[in-house]
Amino acid sequence: MPIYYKAHTSGLFLWALWPCFKFILTNDYGIILYMFFLKILEKLGRKRVVLDRGPSHPEYHLAKPWTHRYYLLFRKRPKWFPFNIFIHHIIDNDHGIGLHNHPCPYITIILSGGYWETNVKKEKKWRGKFYIGFRSADNLHRVDLEPGIKPITIFIAGPFGLRRKERSLYGTWK
């Protein structure tokens, strides 16, 4: 059996490609190609502007753009499919003072820039370029940006129905 077959089936294949991805994302030409790719996704109708609060929020009339979401797999994921992959271009801080959670577990990988993440213990940690975070659906957090930094992340949303706690209420610290 050829060695490349073992590397591919064991997951080492992706680790071998990591230097290529890192090179593309750390030089000027790579960033230009990456932004061109996002423009193509936009032209294909795979971009959505996510507001900082939804229609159920009491101050929805004050909503403003929070992130640009690019759909790499499904624009509307079927409930039976276990995951989806997005690119998030975060353009503003979370609103208010509260924390939020997500409807499913997720993995986030920061491709460029970074952000401050605050947890329920009020610990504020910098999450920089190439940070990889694994979170449960019950993880409460907020995201704040440094002035002039608009991070780009890969967001891999896991299966629905794994959140054990209630949906978070923005503007409150429980």
N, C-alpha and C. Protein backbone atom coordinates (compact mmCIF):
# COMPACT_ATOMS: atom_id res chain seq x y z
N MET A 1 0.85 -1.18 0.00
CA MET A 1 0.00 0.00 0.00
C MET A 1 0.89 1.25 0.00
N PRO A 2 0.66 2.19 -0.91
CA PRO A 2 1.51 3.38 -0.99
C PRO A 2 1.41 4.23 0.28
N ILE A 3 2.48 4.92 0.61
CA ILE A 3 2.51 5.72 1.83
C ILE A 3 1.51 6.88 1.78
N TYR A 4 1.26 7.46 0.61
CA TYR A 4 0.31 8.57 0.53
C TYR A 4 -1.10 8.11 0.86
N TYR A 5 -1.42 6.83 0.60
CA TYR A 5 -2.75 6.32 0.94
C TYR A 5 -2.93 6.29 2.46
N LYS A 6 -1.90 5.81 3.18
CA LYS A 6 -1.98 5.78 4.63
C LYS A 6 -2.09 7.19 5.20
N ALA A 7 -1.31 8.12 4.66
CA ALA A 7 -1.37 9.50 5.14
C ALA A 7 -2.75 10.10 4.90
N HIS A 8 -3.33 9.81 3.74
CA HIS A 8 -4.65 10.36 3.42
C HIS A 8 -5.73 9.80 4.33
N THR A 9 -5.71 8.50 4.58
CA THR A 9 -6.75 7.88 5.40
C THR A 9 -6.56 8.15 6.88
N SER A 10 -5.36 8.49 7.31
CA SER A 10 -5.14 8.72 8.73
C SER A 10 -5.36 10.16 9.15
N GLY A 11 -5.62 11.05 8.21
CA GLY A 11 -5.80 12.46 8.55
C GLY A 11 -4.51 13.26 8.44
N LEU A 12 -3.39 12.57 8.26
CA LEU A 12 -2.12 13.27 8.11
C LEU A 12 -2.06 14.08 6.83
N PHE A 13 -2.89 13.69 5.86
CA PHE A 13 -2.94 14.40 4.60
C PHE A 13 -3.27 15.88 4.83
N LEU A 14 -4.26 16.16 5.71
CA LEU A 14 -4.63 17.55 6.00
C LEU A 14 -3.51 18.28 6.73
N TRP A 15 -2.83 17.61 7.63
CA TRP A 15 -1.72 18.25 8.34
C TRP A 15 -0.59 18.57 7.38
N ALA A 16 -0.40 17.73 6.36
CA ALA A 16 0.64 17.98 5.37
C ALA A 16 0.30 19.21 4.53
N LEU A 17 -1.00 19.48 4.32
CA LEU A 17 -1.42 20.64 3.54
C LEU A 17 -1.43 21.93 4.35
N TRP A 18 -1.38 21.83 5.68
CA TRP A 18 -1.48 23.02 6.53
C TRP A 18 -0.45 24.10 6.16
N PRO A 19 0.83 23.77 5.90
CA PRO A 19 1.77 24.83 5.51
C PRO A 19 1.33 25.57 4.25
N CYS A 20 0.70 24.86 3.31
CA CYS A 20 0.20 25.51 2.09
C CYS A 20 -0.90 26.52 2.43
N PHE A 21 -1.87 26.10 3.27
CA PHE A 21 -2.94 27.00 3.68
C PHE A 21 -2.37 28.21 4.41
N LYS A 22 -1.42 27.95 5.30
CA LYS A 22 -0.83 29.02 6.09
C LYS A 22 -0.10 30.01 5.18
N PHE A 23 0.62 29.51 4.18
CA PHE A 23 1.32 30.38 3.25
C PHE A 23 0.33 31.26 2.48
N ILE A 24 -0.76 30.66 2.00
CA ILE A 24 -1.76 31.41 1.24
C ILE A 24 -2.36 32.53 2.10
N LEU A 25 -2.58 32.25 3.37
CA LEU A 25 -3.25 33.23 4.23
C LEU A 25 -2.29 34.22 4.88
N THR A 26 -0.99 34.05 4.71
CA THR A 26 -0.05 34.96 5.38
C THR A 26 0.73 35.83 4.41
N ASN A 27 0.45 35.76 3.13
CA ASN A 27 1.13 36.68 2.21
C ASN A 27 0.09 37.50 1.46
N ASP A 28 0.53 38.60 0.90
CA ASP A 28 -0.40 39.54 0.25
C ASP A 28 -1.15 38.91 -0.91
N TYR A 29 -0.47 38.09 -1.72
CA TYR A 29 -1.14 37.47 -2.85
C TYR A 29 -2.21 36.50 -2.39
N GLY A 30 -1.93 35.77 -1.31
CA GLY A 30 -2.92 34.83 -0.78
C GLY A 30 -4.16 35.54 -0.30
N ILE A 31 -4.01 36.66 0.39
CA ILE A 31 -5.15 37.42 0.87
C ILE A 31 -5.97 37.97 -0.30
N ILE A 32 -5.28 38.42 -1.35
CA ILE A 32 -5.99 38.91 -2.54
C ILE A 32 -6.80 37.79 -3.17
N LEU A 33 -6.20 36.60 -3.31
CA LEU A 33 -6.94 35.45 -3.86
C LEU A 33 -8.13 35.09 -2.98
N TYR A 34 -7.91 35.15 -1.67
CA TYR A 34 -8.96 34.80 -0.73
C TYR A 34 -10.14 35.79 -0.84
N MET A 35 -9.85 37.08 -0.92
CA MET A 35 -10.92 38.08 -1.05
C MET A 35 -11.63 37.92 -2.39
N PHE A 36 -10.90 37.55 -3.43
CA PHE A 36 -11.51 37.27 -4.73
C PHE A 36 -12.49 36.10 -4.62
N PHE A 37 -12.08 35.06 -3.87
CA PHE A 37 -12.95 33.90 -3.63
C PHE A 37 -14.25 34.33 -2.93
N LEU A 38 -14.14 35.22 -1.94
CA LEU A 38 -15.34 35.71 -1.25
C LEU A 38 -16.24 36.49 -2.20
N LYS A 39 -15.66 37.25 -3.12
CA LYS A 39 -16.45 37.99 -4.12
C LYS A 39 -17.21 37.02 -5.02
N ILE A 40 -16.57 35.92 -5.39
CA ILE A 40 -17.23 34.91 -6.21
C ILE A 40 -18.42 34.32 -5.45
N LEU A 41 -18.21 33.99 -4.17
CA LEU A 41 -19.31 33.46 -3.37
C LEU A 41 -20.46 34.46 -3.29
N GLU A 42 -20.14 35.74 -3.16
CA GLU A 42 -21.17 36.77 -3.12
C GLU A 42 -21.96 36.81 -4.43
N LYS A 43 -21.26 36.75 -5.56
CA LYS A 43 -21.93 36.77 -6.87
C LYS A 43 -22.82 35.55 -7.06
N LEU A 44 -22.46 34.44 -6.42
CA LEU A 44 -23.25 33.20 -6.53
C LEU A 44 -24.43 33.17 -5.54
N GLY A 45 -24.62 34.26 -4.80
CA GLY A 45 -25.73 34.32 -3.85
C GLY A 45 -25.47 33.56 -2.56
N ARG A 46 -24.19 33.38 -2.21
CA ARG A 46 -23.84 32.60 -1.02
C ARG A 46 -23.37 33.49 0.11
N LYS A 47 -23.77 34.77 0.07
CA LYS A 47 -23.42 35.71 1.13
C LYS A 47 -24.70 36.23 1.80
N ARG A 48 -24.61 36.40 3.11
CA ARG A 48 -25.72 36.97 3.87
C ARG A 48 -25.13 37.91 4.92
N VAL A 49 -25.74 39.07 5.10
CA VAL A 49 -25.33 39.98 6.16
C VAL A 49 -26.15 39.63 7.39
N VAL A 50 -25.44 39.25 8.47
CA VAL A 50 -26.09 38.87 9.72
C VAL A 50 -26.15 40.10 10.62
N LEU A 51 -27.34 40.40 11.13
CA LEU A 51 -27.50 41.55 12.02
C LEU A 51 -27.11 41.19 13.44
N ASP A 52 -26.85 42.20 14.26
CA ASP A 52 -26.39 41.94 15.63
C ASP A 52 -27.52 41.54 16.57
N ARG A 53 -28.73 41.51 16.11
CA ARG A 53 -29.86 41.00 16.91
C ARG A 53 -30.97 40.57 15.96
N GLY A 54 -31.74 39.58 16.38
CA GLY A 54 -32.77 39.02 15.52
C GLY A 54 -34.13 39.67 15.73
N PRO A 55 -35.12 39.28 14.93
CA PRO A 55 -36.46 39.87 15.00
C PRO A 55 -37.15 39.68 16.36
N SER A 56 -36.76 38.68 17.12
CA SER A 56 -37.39 38.46 18.43
C SER A 56 -36.82 39.38 19.51
N HIS A 57 -35.75 40.09 19.22
CA HIS A 57 -35.12 40.98 20.21
C HIS A 57 -35.99 42.22 20.40
N PRO A 58 -36.19 42.68 21.64
CA PRO A 58 -37.06 43.85 21.88
C PRO A 58 -36.56 45.14 21.21
N GLU A 59 -35.25 45.23 20.94
CA GLU A 59 -34.72 46.42 20.28
C GLU A 59 -34.24 46.10 18.86
N TYR A 60 -35.03 45.28 18.17
CA TYR A 60 -34.67 44.88 16.81
C TYR A 60 -34.57 46.09 15.88
N HIS A 61 -35.35 47.13 16.16
CA HIS A 61 -35.32 48.32 15.31
C HIS A 61 -33.95 49.03 15.34
N LEU A 62 -33.10 48.69 16.30
CA LEU A 62 -31.75 49.26 16.39
C LEU A 62 -30.69 48.35 15.77
N ALA A 63 -31.12 47.25 15.15
CA ALA A 63 -30.17 46.27 14.60
C ALA A 63 -29.26 46.89 13.55
N LYS A 64 -28.01 46.42 13.55
CA LYS A 64 -27.03 46.87 12.55
C LYS A 64 -26.22 45.65 12.09
N PRO A 65 -25.56 45.74 10.93
CA PRO A 65 -24.77 44.60 10.45
C PRO A 65 -23.69 44.21 11.45
N TRP A 66 -23.57 42.88 11.67
CA TRP A 66 -22.58 42.36 12.60
C TRP A 66 -21.51 41.54 11.90
N THR A 67 -21.91 40.70 10.97
CA THR A 67 -20.94 39.87 10.25
C THR A 67 -21.45 39.56 8.84
N HIS A 68 -20.51 39.32 7.95
CA HIS A 68 -20.85 38.83 6.61
C HIS A 68 -20.62 37.32 6.63
N ARG A 69 -21.67 36.58 6.33
CA ARG A 69 -21.59 35.11 6.34
C ARG A 69 -21.58 34.61 4.90
N TYR A 70 -20.59 33.75 4.60
CA TYR A 70 -20.49 33.11 3.30
C TYR A 70 -20.72 31.62 3.48
N TYR A 71 -21.65 31.06 2.72
CA TYR A 71 -22.01 29.65 2.85
C TYR A 71 -21.14 28.80 1.93
N LEU A 72 -20.33 27.92 2.52
CA LEU A 72 -19.48 27.05 1.72
C LEU A 72 -20.20 25.75 1.35
N LEU A 73 -21.11 25.29 2.19
CA LEU A 73 -21.86 24.06 1.87
C LEU A 73 -23.31 24.39 1.54
N PHE A 74 -24.13 24.50 2.56
CA PHE A 74 -25.57 24.69 2.36
C PHE A 74 -25.99 26.10 2.75
N ARG A 75 -26.82 26.71 1.93
CA ARG A 75 -27.43 27.98 2.32
C ARG A 75 -28.52 27.69 3.36
N LYS A 76 -29.27 26.60 3.16
CA LYS A 76 -30.23 26.12 4.15
C LYS A 76 -29.92 24.65 4.38
N ARG A 77 -29.24 24.37 5.48
CA ARG A 77 -28.81 23.00 5.76
C ARG A 77 -30.01 22.12 6.09
N PRO A 78 -30.09 20.93 5.50
CA PRO A 78 -31.15 19.99 5.90
C PRO A 78 -30.94 19.55 7.35
N LYS A 79 -32.00 19.37 8.10
CA LYS A 79 -31.90 18.99 9.52
C LYS A 79 -31.14 17.67 9.71
N TRP A 80 -31.21 16.78 8.72
CA TRP A 80 -30.57 15.48 8.85
C TRP A 80 -29.07 15.55 8.64
N PHE A 81 -28.57 16.63 8.01
CA PHE A 81 -27.14 16.71 7.72
C PHE A 81 -26.41 17.18 8.98
N PRO A 82 -25.30 16.54 9.38
CA PRO A 82 -24.70 16.81 10.69
C PRO A 82 -23.90 18.10 10.84
N PHE A 83 -23.55 18.80 9.76
CA PHE A 83 -22.75 20.01 9.94
C PHE A 83 -22.90 20.93 8.74
N ASN A 84 -22.41 22.16 8.90
CA ASN A 84 -22.34 23.12 7.81
C ASN A 84 -21.06 23.94 7.99
N ILE A 85 -20.58 24.54 6.93
CA ILE A 85 -19.34 25.31 7.00
C ILE A 85 -19.59 26.71 6.43
N PHE A 86 -19.21 27.72 7.23
CA PHE A 86 -19.35 29.11 6.82
C PHE A 86 -18.00 29.80 6.90
N ILE A 87 -17.88 30.89 6.18
CA ILE A 87 -16.81 31.85 6.42
C ILE A 87 -17.49 33.06 7.02
N HIS A 88 -17.00 33.53 8.16
CA HIS A 88 -17.53 34.74 8.80
C HIS A 88 -16.51 35.86 8.70
N HIS A 89 -16.93 36.99 8.17
CA HIS A 89 -16.12 38.20 8.17
C HIS A 89 -16.79 39.12 9.19
N ILE A 90 -16.27 39.15 10.41
CA ILE A 90 -16.89 39.88 11.51
C ILE A 90 -16.54 41.36 11.36
N ILE A 91 -17.58 42.21 11.35
CA ILE A 91 -17.35 43.63 11.10
C ILE A 91 -17.68 44.52 12.30
N ASP A 92 -18.23 43.95 13.38
CA ASP A 92 -18.55 44.76 14.55
C ASP A 92 -18.58 43.89 15.81
N ASN A 93 -18.51 44.55 16.99
CA ASN A 93 -18.60 43.86 18.28
C ASN A 93 -19.99 43.27 18.47
N ASP A 94 -20.09 42.31 19.40
CA ASP A 94 -21.42 41.89 19.85
C ASP A 94 -22.08 43.11 20.47
N HIS A 95 -23.40 43.21 20.34
CA HIS A 95 -24.07 44.39 20.89
C HIS A 95 -24.33 44.22 22.39
N GLY A 96 -24.56 45.32 23.06
CA GLY A 96 -24.90 45.29 24.48
C GLY A 96 -23.76 44.81 25.35
N ILE A 97 -24.12 44.33 26.54
CA ILE A 97 -23.11 43.86 27.48
C ILE A 97 -23.19 42.37 27.74
N GLY A 98 -24.17 41.71 27.16
CA GLY A 98 -24.43 40.32 27.48
C GLY A 98 -23.65 39.32 26.67
N LEU A 99 -23.89 38.05 26.98
CA LEU A 99 -23.26 36.92 26.33
C LEU A 99 -24.27 36.25 25.41
N HIS A 100 -23.77 35.44 24.49
CA HIS A 100 -24.67 34.66 23.64
C HIS A 100 -24.16 33.23 23.53
N ASN A 101 -25.04 32.33 23.09
CA ASN A 101 -24.65 30.97 22.77
C ASN A 101 -25.15 30.67 21.36
N HIS A 102 -24.97 29.45 20.91
CA HIS A 102 -25.34 29.06 19.56
C HIS A 102 -26.30 27.88 19.62
N PRO A 103 -27.08 27.65 18.55
CA PRO A 103 -28.04 26.54 18.58
C PRO A 103 -27.40 25.16 18.42
N CYS A 104 -26.08 25.11 18.16
CA CYS A 104 -25.41 23.83 17.96
C CYS A 104 -23.94 23.96 18.38
N PRO A 105 -23.28 22.84 18.66
CA PRO A 105 -21.84 22.91 18.93
C PRO A 105 -21.11 23.37 17.67
N TYR A 106 -19.91 23.93 17.86
CA TYR A 106 -19.22 24.46 16.69
C TYR A 106 -17.71 24.47 16.89
N ILE A 107 -17.04 24.63 15.76
CA ILE A 107 -15.59 24.82 15.73
C ILE A 107 -15.36 26.14 15.00
N THR A 108 -14.48 26.97 15.54
CA THR A 108 -14.13 28.22 14.87
C THR A 108 -12.62 28.25 14.66
N ILE A 109 -12.22 28.68 13.47
CA ILE A 109 -10.81 28.80 13.11
C ILE A 109 -10.60 30.21 12.59
N ILE A 110 -9.73 30.96 13.23
CA ILE A 110 -9.49 32.34 12.82
C ILE A 110 -8.44 32.34 11.71
N LEU A 111 -8.83 32.85 10.55
CA LEU A 111 -7.94 32.90 9.39
C LEU A 111 -7.14 34.19 9.32
N SER A 112 -7.75 35.30 9.73
CA SER A 112 -7.03 36.56 9.76
C SER A 112 -7.59 37.45 10.86
N GLY A 113 -6.75 38.33 11.37
CA GLY A 113 -7.17 39.21 12.46
C GLY A 113 -7.26 38.46 13.77
N GLY A 114 -8.25 38.82 14.55
CA GLY A 114 -8.47 38.20 15.85
C GLY A 114 -9.53 38.98 16.60
N TYR A 115 -9.90 38.50 17.78
CA TYR A 115 -10.91 39.18 18.59
C TYR A 115 -10.73 38.81 20.05
N TRP A 116 -11.36 39.61 20.90
CA TRP A 116 -11.40 39.33 22.34
C TRP A 116 -12.66 38.52 22.61
N GLU A 117 -12.50 37.40 23.30
CA GLU A 117 -13.64 36.57 23.67
C GLU A 117 -13.79 36.61 25.19
N THR A 118 -14.98 36.96 25.65
CA THR A 118 -15.28 37.01 27.07
C THR A 118 -16.22 35.87 27.41
N ASN A 119 -15.93 35.16 28.50
CA ASN A 119 -16.77 34.02 28.89
C ASN A 119 -17.65 34.38 30.09
N VAL A 120 -18.37 33.39 30.60
CA VAL A 120 -19.31 33.61 31.69
C VAL A 120 -18.60 34.01 32.99
N LYS A 121 -17.33 33.67 33.14
CA LYS A 121 -16.55 34.06 34.32
C LYS A 121 -15.97 35.46 34.18
N LYS A 122 -16.34 36.15 33.10
CA LYS A 122 -15.85 37.50 32.76
C LYS A 122 -14.35 37.51 32.47
N GLU A 123 -13.81 36.35 32.03
CA GLU A 123 -12.41 36.26 31.59
C GLU A 123 -12.36 36.69 30.13
N LYS A 124 -11.49 37.62 29.83
CA LYS A 124 -11.35 38.14 28.48
C LYS A 124 -10.04 37.64 27.90
N LYS A 125 -10.11 36.89 26.77
CA LYS A 125 -8.92 36.30 26.17
C LYS A 125 -8.82 36.69 24.70
N TRP A 126 -7.59 37.00 24.27
CA TRP A 126 -7.36 37.31 22.87
C TRP A 126 -7.31 36.02 22.06
N ARG A 127 -8.07 35.98 20.99
CA ARG A 127 -8.08 34.84 20.07
C ARG A 127 -7.52 35.36 18.74
N GLY A 128 -6.28 34.99 18.45
CA GLY A 128 -5.59 35.53 17.28
C GLY A 128 -5.59 34.59 16.09
N LYS A 129 -4.88 35.01 15.07
CA LYS A 129 -4.78 34.28 13.81
C LYS A 129 -4.37 32.83 14.04
N PHE A 130 -5.08 31.92 13.38
CA PHE A 130 -4.90 30.48 13.43
C PHE A 130 -5.34 29.84 14.75
N TYR A 131 -6.05 30.59 15.59
CA TYR A 131 -6.65 30.00 16.78
C TYR A 131 -7.75 29.04 16.34
N ILE A 132 -7.84 27.89 17.00
CA ILE A 132 -8.91 26.92 16.75
C ILE A 132 -9.65 26.70 18.06
N GLY A 133 -10.95 26.94 18.06
CA GLY A 133 -11.76 26.77 19.27
C GLY A 133 -12.89 25.78 19.04
N PHE A 134 -13.04 24.85 19.98
CA PHE A 134 -14.13 23.88 19.97
C PHE A 134 -15.09 24.29 21.07
N ARG A 135 -16.38 24.45 20.78
CA ARG A 135 -17.34 24.92 21.77
C ARG A 135 -18.62 24.09 21.74
N SER A 136 -19.21 23.93 22.92
CA SER A 136 -20.52 23.27 22.99
C SER A 136 -21.59 24.31 22.67
N ALA A 137 -22.79 23.85 22.42
CA ALA A 137 -23.90 24.76 22.14
C ALA A 137 -24.26 25.58 23.37
N ASP A 138 -23.89 25.12 24.55
CA ASP A 138 -24.22 25.83 25.80
C ASP A 138 -23.16 26.86 26.20
N ASN A 139 -22.09 26.96 25.45
CA ASN A 139 -21.01 27.90 25.79
C ASN A 139 -21.49 29.34 25.63
N LEU A 140 -21.46 30.09 26.73
CA LEU A 140 -21.83 31.50 26.70
C LEU A 140 -20.57 32.34 26.52
N HIS A 141 -20.61 33.28 25.58
CA HIS A 141 -19.45 34.12 25.30
C HIS A 141 -19.90 35.37 24.56
N ARG A 142 -18.97 36.29 24.41
CA ARG A 142 -19.19 37.46 23.56
C ARG A 142 -17.90 37.75 22.81
N VAL A 143 -18.01 38.45 21.71
CA VAL A 143 -16.89 38.77 20.84
C VAL A 143 -16.76 40.28 20.74
N ASP A 144 -15.56 40.79 21.02
CA ASP A 144 -15.26 42.22 20.88
C ASP A 144 -14.03 42.38 20.01
N LEU A 145 -14.05 43.37 19.14
CA LEU A 145 -12.96 43.58 18.20
C LEU A 145 -12.03 44.69 18.65
N GLU A 146 -10.79 44.59 18.20
CA GLU A 146 -9.84 45.69 18.33
C GLU A 146 -10.16 46.69 17.22
N PRO A 147 -9.99 47.98 17.47
CA PRO A 147 -10.24 48.97 16.41
C PRO A 147 -9.42 48.67 15.16
N GLY A 148 -10.09 48.70 14.01
CA GLY A 148 -9.41 48.48 12.73
C GLY A 148 -9.20 47.03 12.34
N ILE A 149 -9.53 46.08 13.21
CA ILE A 149 -9.37 44.65 12.89
C ILE A 149 -10.74 44.04 12.62
N LYS A 150 -10.88 43.45 11.45
CA LYS A 150 -12.12 42.78 11.05
C LYS A 150 -11.79 41.31 10.76
N PRO A 151 -11.87 40.45 11.77
CA PRO A 151 -11.41 39.06 11.59
C PRO A 151 -12.24 38.26 10.58
N ILE A 152 -11.57 37.30 9.98
CA ILE A 152 -12.22 36.34 9.09
C ILE A 152 -12.02 34.97 9.70
N THR A 153 -13.12 34.23 9.86
CA THR A 153 -13.06 32.90 10.49
C THR A 153 -13.77 31.86 9.64
N ILE A 154 -13.36 30.62 9.83
CA ILE A 154 -14.15 29.49 9.34
C ILE A 154 -14.97 29.03 10.53
N PHE A 155 -16.26 28.88 10.34
CA PHE A 155 -17.18 28.47 11.40
C PHE A 155 -17.84 27.18 10.96
N ILE A 156 -17.57 26.09 11.69
CA ILE A 156 -18.14 24.79 11.36
C ILE A 156 -19.22 24.49 12.40
N ALA A 157 -20.47 24.56 11.96
CA ALA A 157 -21.61 24.34 12.85
C ALA A 157 -21.92 22.85 12.89
N GLY A 158 -22.04 22.32 14.11
CA GLY A 158 -22.33 20.90 14.30
C GLY A 158 -23.82 20.59 14.25
N PRO A 159 -24.20 19.41 14.72
CA PRO A 159 -25.61 18.99 14.65
C PRO A 159 -26.51 19.80 15.58
N PHE A 160 -27.76 20.00 15.13
CA PHE A 160 -28.75 20.69 15.94
C PHE A 160 -29.22 19.81 17.08
N GLY A 161 -29.83 20.40 18.09
CA GLY A 161 -30.49 19.65 19.15
C GLY A 161 -29.59 19.25 20.30
N LEU A 162 -28.37 19.76 20.38
CA LEU A 162 -27.46 19.36 21.46
C LEU A 162 -27.33 20.43 22.55
N ARG A 163 -28.09 21.52 22.44
CA ARG A 163 -28.03 22.54 23.48
C ARG A 163 -28.93 22.09 24.62
N ARG A 164 -28.37 22.05 25.84
CA ARG A 164 -29.12 21.59 27.01
C ARG A 164 -29.77 22.74 27.78
N LYS A 165 -29.19 23.93 27.66
CA LYS A 165 -29.69 25.09 28.38
C LYS A 165 -30.57 25.94 27.47
N GLU A 166 -31.21 26.94 28.06
CA GLU A 166 -32.06 27.85 27.29
C GLU A 166 -31.20 28.75 26.42
N ARG A 167 -31.83 29.36 25.44
CA ARG A 167 -31.18 30.36 24.62
C ARG A 167 -30.79 31.54 25.50
N SER A 168 -29.63 32.10 25.27
CA SER A 168 -29.15 33.21 26.10
C SER A 168 -29.98 34.47 25.87
N LEU A 169 -30.02 35.30 26.89
CA LEU A 169 -30.67 36.61 26.77
C LEU A 169 -29.59 37.67 26.72
N TYR A 170 -29.52 38.41 25.62
CA TYR A 170 -28.54 39.46 25.48
C TYR A 170 -28.79 40.55 26.52
N GLY A 171 -27.73 41.19 26.94
CA GLY A 171 -27.86 42.33 27.84
C GLY A 171 -27.87 41.93 29.30
N THR A 172 -27.69 40.65 29.61
CA THR A 172 -27.70 40.21 31.00
C THR A 172 -26.51 39.30 31.26
N TRP A 173 -26.00 39.36 32.44
CA TRP A 173 -24.98 38.42 32.93
C TRP A 173 -25.66 37.58 33.98
N LYS A 174 -25.80 36.29 33.72
CA LYS A 174 -26.45 35.40 34.70
C LYS A 174 -25.45 34.83 35.66
